[in-house]
Amino acid sequence: MPMPAQEIVSMIEEALPGADVNLVDMAGDSNHYAAEIVYEGFSGLSRIKQHQMVYDALKGHMGGELHALALKTSAPK
């Protein structure tokens, strides 16, 4: 069963308090999303570590209910 967009956003915002999360359903099927996440806590971290933090926030749903998630992460400028 696909994962609702609001559930994805809520999980990320819960794990990364204060994050600005913009999620787009790329195919209209609730399975293929693109997310842009701006979070102060990403400051000084590698892109890999930033993405790991987002995947950790999704608590194992990636690859199951959530089929595809393209990420663009950054710290505020």
Protein backbone atom coordinates (compact mmCIF):
# COMPACT_ATOMS: atom_id res chain seq x y z
CA MET A 1 0.00 0.00 0.00
CA PRO A 2 1.39 3.45 -0.92
CA MET A 3 2.44 5.85 1.80
CA PRO A 4 0.44 9.10 2.08
CA ALA A 5 2.44 12.27 1.46
CA GLN A 6 1.39 13.86 4.75
CA GLU A 7 2.69 10.83 6.67
CA ILE A 8 6.08 11.18 4.99
CA VAL A 9 6.24 14.91 5.76
CA SER A 10 5.16 14.32 9.37
CA MET A 11 7.82 11.67 9.94
CA ILE A 12 10.55 13.93 8.57
CA GLU A 13 9.37 16.97 10.54
CA GLU A 14 9.17 14.91 13.73
CA ALA A 15 12.73 13.62 13.34
CA LEU A 16 14.15 16.93 12.07
CA PRO A 17 12.39 19.66 14.12
CA GLY A 18 12.22 22.97 12.31
CA ALA A 19 12.91 21.44 8.90
CA ASP A 20 11.26 22.99 5.87
CA VAL A 21 9.92 20.00 3.88
CA ASN A 22 8.52 20.30 0.34
CA LEU A 23 7.25 16.97 -1.00
CA VAL A 24 5.99 16.41 -4.56
CA ASP A 25 4.29 13.25 -5.88
CA MET A 26 6.21 12.85 -9.15
CA ALA A 27 3.95 10.25 -10.80
CA GLY A 28 0.62 10.84 -9.09
CA ASP A 29 0.71 7.31 -7.66
CA SER A 30 1.77 7.99 -4.03
CA ASN A 31 4.85 5.83 -4.70
CA HIS A 32 7.33 8.16 -6.41
CA TYR A 33 8.18 11.34 -4.54
CA ALA A 34 10.73 14.12 -4.66
CA ALA A 35 11.54 15.99 -1.46
CA GLU A 36 13.44 19.19 -0.87
CA ILE A 37 14.43 19.54 2.77
CA VAL A 38 16.12 22.54 4.33
CA TYR A 39 17.27 21.92 7.89
CA GLU A 40 19.66 23.80 10.16
CA GLY A 41 20.95 20.48 11.49
CA PHE A 42 22.38 19.65 8.06
CA SER A 43 24.95 22.44 8.40
CA GLY A 44 28.49 21.10 8.01
CA LEU A 45 27.35 17.56 7.15
CA SER A 46 28.07 15.70 3.93
CA ARG A 47 25.21 15.14 1.50
CA ILE A 48 25.41 11.41 2.33
CA LYS A 49 24.96 12.07 6.06
CA GLN A 50 22.06 14.44 5.33
CA HIS A 51 20.31 11.79 3.25
CA GLN A 52 20.96 9.14 5.92
CA MET A 53 19.23 11.38 8.46
CA VAL A 54 16.16 11.61 6.22
CA TYR A 55 16.10 7.83 5.60
CA ASP A 56 16.42 7.25 9.36
CA ALA A 57 13.44 9.56 9.88
CA LEU A 58 11.37 7.28 7.63
CA LYS A 59 11.90 4.37 10.06
CA GLY A 60 12.37 1.58 7.53
CA HIS A 61 9.47 2.52 5.22
CA MET A 62 11.85 3.25 2.33
CA GLY A 63 11.71 0.39 -0.17
CA GLY A 64 8.44 -0.91 1.29
CA GLU A 65 5.44 1.41 1.44
CA LEU A 66 7.64 4.16 0.04
CA HIS A 67 9.00 2.97 -3.29
CA ALA A 68 11.05 5.97 -4.50
CA LEU A 69 12.18 9.23 -2.93
CA ALA A 70 14.49 11.67 -4.72
CA LEU A 71 16.16 13.92 -2.15
CA LYS A 72 17.57 17.43 -2.30
CA THR A 73 18.86 18.46 1.12
CA SER A 74 20.57 21.60 2.37
CA ALA A 75 21.14 23.84 5.35
CA PRO A 76 19.57 27.32 5.31
CA LYS A 77 21.67 29.99 3.62
